[in-house]
Amino acid sequence: MQSFPIPGSRARMRFHDLPGDDPVHVYLPGLACASSADFPETTRHPGAAGFRAILVDLLGAGFSDRPEWFSYSLEDHAETVAALLDGLGVRDCVLVGHSMGGSIAVLLAGSRPDLVAQLILAEPNLGPVRGMLSPYIVDLDEDEFVRTGHAALLGKLDEVAEQDVAAANFAALVRVCSPLALHRSSRSLARVREPGLRARLDGLPMPRAVLIGELSGYRHGGFAAHGIMTVTVAGAGHAMNEEQPAAFAAAIGVARRTTTLVERGR
């Protein structure tokens, strides 16, 4: 694992930089999650294997630092990832974002299109929707969540985890995630933006694809009208990278190859 000093601070963001061919694949995880836990197996399967892979632990989660001064907004997460890619000299990457990581990826691609050649989003959060975790996070103020809400959320997740491996893994990640970071990022996800993330995604210039778990019930649609490819990940729900890592990697490969061909054909 490597670390990157956030410019102008003592905080460090940590990441894996796995060797391989171009184009570089950069992975951004969901809320409270960490690429160091979520994506290593993905990089072993056909479709994603063989490419240089940068697995980012966002500030506040995984092995990265948890500075209290950081906003943990989607926009500021996108800026720190851009700084990392600038520091590594990475350009024209395949940016893979899951859930909240997909939201961050949209903002990063919009602000720094020089960094992103292709955008692959796994069930991204594209609007301020009320999620299953809202009663335990965004319905509480920051101090209350830090004092008691984080522990209550873990208790609820531990109940579900007894019957669900993916939930157990998520609970483990929430346990090590900064409560402050979790609350601030959740509030940022719930914030109304103008233009919204969906409108920004629709207007991006680079090839784009959205991966959807066959069993998830993901609600967004109408992507084809904006030139955005969709790929179904068979046998998977929202946590497709954990539930069906081989199918998830294969879908990344399909999206990367197909969107490139479509772009070249224009």
Protein backbone atom coordinates (compact mmCIF):
# COMPACT_ATOMS: atom_id res chain seq x y z
CA MET A 1 0.00 0.00 0.00
CA GLN A 2 1.17 3.51 -0.83
CA SER A 3 0.24 6.90 0.59
CA PHE A 4 -0.27 10.31 -0.94
CA PRO A 5 0.02 13.57 1.04
CA ILE A 6 -3.02 15.77 0.49
CA PRO A 7 -1.64 19.15 -0.70
CA GLY A 8 -1.59 21.79 2.01
CA SER A 9 -2.16 19.35 4.86
CA ARG A 10 -0.64 16.53 6.87
CA ALA A 11 -3.38 14.10 5.88
CA ARG A 12 -2.54 11.15 3.67
CA MET A 13 -4.74 9.19 1.33
CA ARG A 14 -3.72 5.57 0.86
CA PHE A 15 -4.04 3.42 -2.19
CA HIS A 16 -2.86 0.31 -3.99
CA ASP A 17 -1.12 0.79 -7.35
CA LEU A 18 -1.15 -2.63 -8.99
CA PRO A 19 1.05 -3.03 -12.08
CA GLY A 20 -0.35 -3.79 -15.51
CA ASP A 21 -1.07 -2.42 -18.94
CA ASP A 22 -2.76 0.80 -20.03
CA PRO A 23 -5.36 2.13 -19.79
CA VAL A 24 -5.07 2.64 -16.05
CA HIS A 25 -8.19 1.58 -14.16
CA VAL A 26 -8.97 3.76 -11.12
CA TYR A 27 -11.48 2.40 -8.58
CA LEU A 28 -13.59 4.53 -6.22
CA PRO A 29 -15.66 2.82 -3.48
CA GLY A 30 -19.08 3.48 -2.00
CA LEU A 31 -20.09 5.17 1.23
CA ALA A 32 -17.95 4.03 4.20
CA CYS A 33 -16.22 1.49 1.97
CA ALA A 34 -12.61 1.12 0.89
CA SER A 35 -11.17 0.09 -2.45
CA SER A 36 -8.45 -1.83 -0.63
CA ALA A 37 -11.19 -4.18 0.59
CA ASP A 38 -13.74 -3.95 -2.23
CA PHE A 39 -11.82 -4.36 -5.47
CA PRO A 40 -8.66 -6.52 -5.19
CA GLU A 41 -10.55 -9.63 -6.31
CA THR A 42 -12.12 -7.72 -9.19
CA THR A 43 -8.68 -7.04 -10.64
CA ARG A 44 -7.95 -10.80 -10.82
CA HIS A 45 -10.80 -11.71 -13.18
CA PRO A 46 -10.99 -11.45 -16.98
CA GLY A 47 -12.31 -8.10 -18.05
CA ALA A 48 -10.38 -6.21 -15.39
CA ALA A 49 -7.23 -8.35 -15.06
CA GLY A 50 -3.97 -7.31 -16.69
CA PHE A 51 -4.47 -3.55 -16.40
CA ARG A 52 -2.72 -1.20 -14.05
CA ALA A 53 -5.19 -0.64 -11.22
CA ILE A 54 -5.25 2.17 -8.67
CA LEU A 55 -7.47 1.26 -5.72
CA VAL A 56 -8.25 4.40 -3.71
CA ASP A 57 -9.25 4.52 -0.06
CA LEU A 58 -11.03 7.87 0.24
CA LEU A 59 -10.22 10.09 3.19
CA GLY A 60 -12.10 8.98 6.30
CA ALA A 61 -12.34 5.31 5.33
CA GLY A 62 -10.21 2.21 4.95
CA PHE A 63 -6.53 2.87 5.57
CA SER A 64 -6.64 6.59 4.73
CA ASP A 65 -6.38 9.34 7.32
CA ARG A 66 -9.46 10.82 9.00
CA PRO A 67 -8.85 14.56 9.34
CA GLU A 68 -11.58 16.41 11.25
CA TRP A 69 -11.06 19.57 9.18
CA PHE A 70 -12.02 17.86 5.90
CA SER A 71 -15.56 18.44 4.59
CA TYR A 72 -15.99 14.88 3.20
CA SER A 73 -18.26 16.34 0.51
CA LEU A 74 -18.48 14.60 -2.85
CA GLU A 75 -16.81 17.61 -4.46
CA ASP A 76 -13.86 17.61 -2.08
CA HIS A 77 -13.44 13.84 -2.40
CA ALA A 78 -13.26 14.37 -6.18
CA GLU A 79 -10.58 17.02 -5.69
CA THR A 80 -8.40 14.74 -3.57
CA VAL A 81 -8.65 11.94 -6.14
CA ALA A 82 -7.71 14.41 -8.89
CA ALA A 83 -4.70 15.50 -6.83
CA LEU A 84 -3.65 11.86 -6.44
CA LEU A 85 -3.89 11.20 -10.18
CA ASP A 86 -1.96 14.39 -10.91
CA GLY A 87 0.70 13.27 -8.44
CA LEU A 88 0.97 9.89 -10.16
CA GLY A 89 0.99 11.43 -13.63
CA VAL A 90 -2.12 9.50 -14.64
CA ARG A 91 -4.19 10.74 -17.58
CA ASP A 92 -6.98 9.23 -19.66
CA CYS A 93 -7.90 6.57 -17.11
CA VAL A 94 -10.86 4.22 -17.00
CA LEU A 95 -12.64 5.52 -13.90
CA VAL A 96 -14.74 2.88 -12.11
CA GLY A 97 -17.00 4.16 -9.34
CA HIS A 98 -19.38 2.12 -7.22
CA SER A 99 -22.40 3.74 -5.50
CA MET A 100 -21.11 6.94 -3.84
CA GLY A 101 -17.85 6.37 -5.71
CA GLY A 102 -19.91 6.72 -8.88
CA SER A 103 -21.19 10.11 -7.70
CA ILE A 104 -17.63 11.24 -7.04
CA ALA A 105 -16.56 9.89 -10.43
CA VAL A 106 -19.20 12.00 -12.22
CA LEU A 107 -17.94 15.14 -10.49
CA LEU A 108 -14.31 14.27 -11.20
CA ALA A 109 -14.99 13.57 -14.88
CA GLY A 110 -16.84 16.86 -15.18
CA SER A 111 -14.18 18.98 -13.50
CA ARG A 112 -11.13 17.19 -14.92
CA PRO A 113 -11.99 15.49 -18.24
CA ASP A 114 -8.27 15.32 -19.01
CA LEU A 115 -7.97 12.64 -16.33
CA VAL A 116 -10.84 10.43 -17.52
CA ALA A 117 -11.04 8.67 -20.88
CA GLN A 118 -13.93 6.38 -19.94
CA LEU A 119 -16.43 6.37 -17.11
CA ILE A 120 -17.86 3.10 -15.74
CA LEU A 121 -20.34 3.53 -12.90
CA ALA A 122 -21.72 0.66 -10.83
CA GLU A 123 -25.18 1.73 -9.62
CA PRO A 124 -24.11 5.31 -8.92
CA ASN A 125 -26.03 7.59 -6.57
CA LEU A 126 -27.34 10.20 -9.02
CA GLY A 127 -29.86 12.08 -6.94
CA PRO A 128 -30.72 13.11 -3.38
CA VAL A 129 -32.73 10.02 -2.46
CA ARG A 130 -33.70 8.75 0.96
CA GLY A 131 -31.84 5.49 1.54
CA MET A 132 -32.19 2.63 4.00
CA LEU A 133 -29.46 4.12 6.23
CA SER A 134 -30.96 7.63 6.38
CA PRO A 135 -32.72 7.13 9.75
CA TYR A 136 -29.38 6.20 11.29
CA ILE A 137 -27.25 8.88 9.62
CA VAL A 138 -28.70 11.95 7.89
CA ASP A 139 -31.74 12.21 10.16
CA LEU A 140 -29.34 12.87 13.05
CA ASP A 141 -27.21 15.96 13.46
CA GLU A 142 -23.46 15.52 13.26
CA ASP A 143 -22.75 15.54 16.99
CA GLU A 144 -25.55 13.09 17.74
CA PHE A 145 -24.39 10.69 15.07
CA VAL A 146 -20.80 10.79 16.29
CA ARG A 147 -21.86 10.32 19.94
CA THR A 148 -24.48 7.58 19.59
CA GLY A 149 -25.69 7.13 16.01
CA HIS A 150 -22.61 5.38 14.68
CA ALA A 151 -22.83 2.73 17.40
CA ALA A 152 -26.57 2.31 16.80
CA LEU A 153 -25.98 1.88 13.08
CA LEU A 154 -23.36 -0.78 13.76
CA GLY A 155 -25.78 -2.61 16.02
CA LYS A 156 -28.40 -2.70 13.28
CA LEU A 157 -25.86 -3.80 10.66
CA ASP A 158 -24.58 -6.55 12.95
CA GLU A 159 -28.12 -7.94 13.22
CA VAL A 160 -28.41 -8.18 9.44
CA ALA A 161 -24.84 -9.46 9.10
CA GLU A 162 -25.73 -12.72 10.84
CA GLN A 163 -27.62 -13.77 7.69
CA ASP A 164 -25.75 -11.89 4.96
CA VAL A 165 -22.03 -12.02 4.12
CA ALA A 166 -22.12 -8.77 2.12
CA ALA A 167 -23.78 -7.02 5.07
CA ALA A 168 -21.15 -8.43 7.41
CA ASN A 169 -18.38 -7.04 5.23
CA PHE A 170 -20.11 -3.66 5.04
CA ALA A 171 -20.48 -3.63 8.83
CA ALA A 172 -16.74 -4.22 9.18
CA LEU A 173 -16.02 -1.26 6.90
CA VAL A 174 -18.48 1.01 8.73
CA ARG A 175 -16.80 0.02 12.00
CA VAL A 176 -13.45 1.42 10.86
CA CYS A 177 -14.88 4.40 8.96
CA SER A 178 -14.73 7.77 10.70
CA PRO A 179 -18.21 8.59 12.05
CA LEU A 180 -17.59 12.22 11.13
CA ALA A 181 -16.70 11.25 7.56
CA LEU A 182 -19.69 8.93 7.26
CA HIS A 183 -22.12 11.61 8.40
CA ARG A 184 -20.67 14.41 6.29
CA SER A 185 -20.48 12.27 3.14
CA SER A 186 -24.05 11.07 3.69
CA ARG A 187 -25.24 14.65 4.05
CA SER A 188 -23.39 15.55 0.86
CA LEU A 189 -25.09 12.69 -0.99
CA ALA A 190 -28.47 13.99 0.22
CA ARG A 191 -27.80 17.57 -0.88
CA VAL A 192 -29.69 18.98 -3.86
CA ARG A 193 -27.31 20.14 -6.61
CA GLU A 194 -28.02 22.32 -9.60
CA PRO A 195 -27.41 20.89 -12.12
CA GLY A 196 -27.91 17.49 -10.54
CA LEU A 197 -25.54 14.56 -10.87
CA ARG A 198 -27.79 12.83 -13.41
CA ALA A 199 -27.83 15.90 -15.66
CA ARG A 200 -24.06 16.18 -15.33
CA LEU A 201 -23.59 12.54 -16.25
CA ASP A 202 -25.87 12.90 -19.27
CA GLY A 203 -23.78 15.81 -20.54
CA LEU A 204 -20.29 14.37 -20.11
CA PRO A 205 -18.25 14.04 -23.31
CA MET A 206 -16.38 10.77 -22.68
CA PRO A 207 -17.74 7.22 -23.23
CA ARG A 208 -19.91 6.23 -20.26
CA ALA A 209 -21.47 3.02 -19.00
CA VAL A 210 -23.62 2.08 -16.01
CA LEU A 211 -23.45 -1.41 -14.48
CA ILE A 212 -26.68 -2.63 -12.87
CA GLY A 213 -27.08 -5.65 -10.62
CA GLU A 214 -29.69 -8.05 -11.94
CA LEU A 215 -31.25 -8.44 -8.49
CA SER A 216 -30.89 -4.91 -7.14
CA GLY A 217 -33.95 -3.02 -8.37
CA TYR A 218 -31.83 0.02 -9.30
CA ARG A 219 -34.30 2.78 -10.17
CA HIS A 220 -32.56 5.03 -12.67
CA GLY A 221 -33.23 4.57 -16.39
CA GLY A 222 -33.23 6.34 -19.74
CA PHE A 223 -29.47 6.11 -20.11
CA ALA A 224 -29.48 5.05 -23.78
CA ALA A 225 -31.09 8.34 -24.81
CA HIS A 226 -27.91 10.10 -23.67
CA GLY A 227 -25.47 7.64 -25.23
CA ILE A 228 -24.80 5.84 -21.96
CA MET A 229 -24.42 2.09 -22.21
CA THR A 230 -25.91 -0.21 -19.57
CA VAL A 231 -24.58 -3.65 -18.63
CA THR A 232 -26.42 -6.08 -16.34
CA VAL A 233 -24.33 -7.98 -13.79
CA ALA A 234 -25.99 -11.39 -13.56
CA GLY A 235 -26.90 -12.78 -10.16
CA ALA A 236 -25.85 -9.63 -8.32
CA GLY A 237 -27.48 -6.98 -6.20
CA HIS A 238 -26.03 -3.58 -5.33
CA ALA A 239 -22.88 -5.10 -3.78
CA MET A 240 -21.99 -6.67 -7.14
CA ASN A 241 -18.23 -6.44 -6.60
CA GLU A 242 -18.58 -8.74 -3.57
CA GLU A 243 -21.48 -10.94 -4.63
CA GLN A 244 -20.34 -11.69 -8.18
CA PRO A 245 -16.77 -10.43 -8.61
CA ALA A 246 -16.12 -12.42 -11.80
CA ALA A 247 -19.33 -11.15 -13.42
CA PHE A 248 -18.56 -7.63 -12.20
CA ALA A 249 -15.09 -7.73 -13.77
CA ALA A 250 -16.52 -9.14 -16.99
CA ALA A 251 -19.05 -6.29 -17.11
CA ILE A 252 -16.24 -3.77 -16.69
CA GLY A 253 -14.50 -5.39 -19.66
CA VAL A 254 -17.64 -5.32 -21.80
CA ALA A 255 -18.27 -1.67 -20.94
CA ARG A 256 -14.67 -0.67 -21.62
CA ARG A 257 -14.47 -2.44 -24.99
CA THR A 258 -17.94 -1.56 -26.24
CA THR A 259 -17.96 2.12 -25.31
CA THR A 260 -14.53 2.50 -26.94
CA LEU A 261 -15.80 0.93 -30.17
CA VAL A 262 -18.90 3.11 -30.18
CA GLU A 263 -16.81 6.24 -29.64
CA ARG A 264 -14.45 5.32 -32.46
CA GLY A 265 -17.39 4.72 -34.77
CA ARG A 266 -18.75 8.26 -34.41
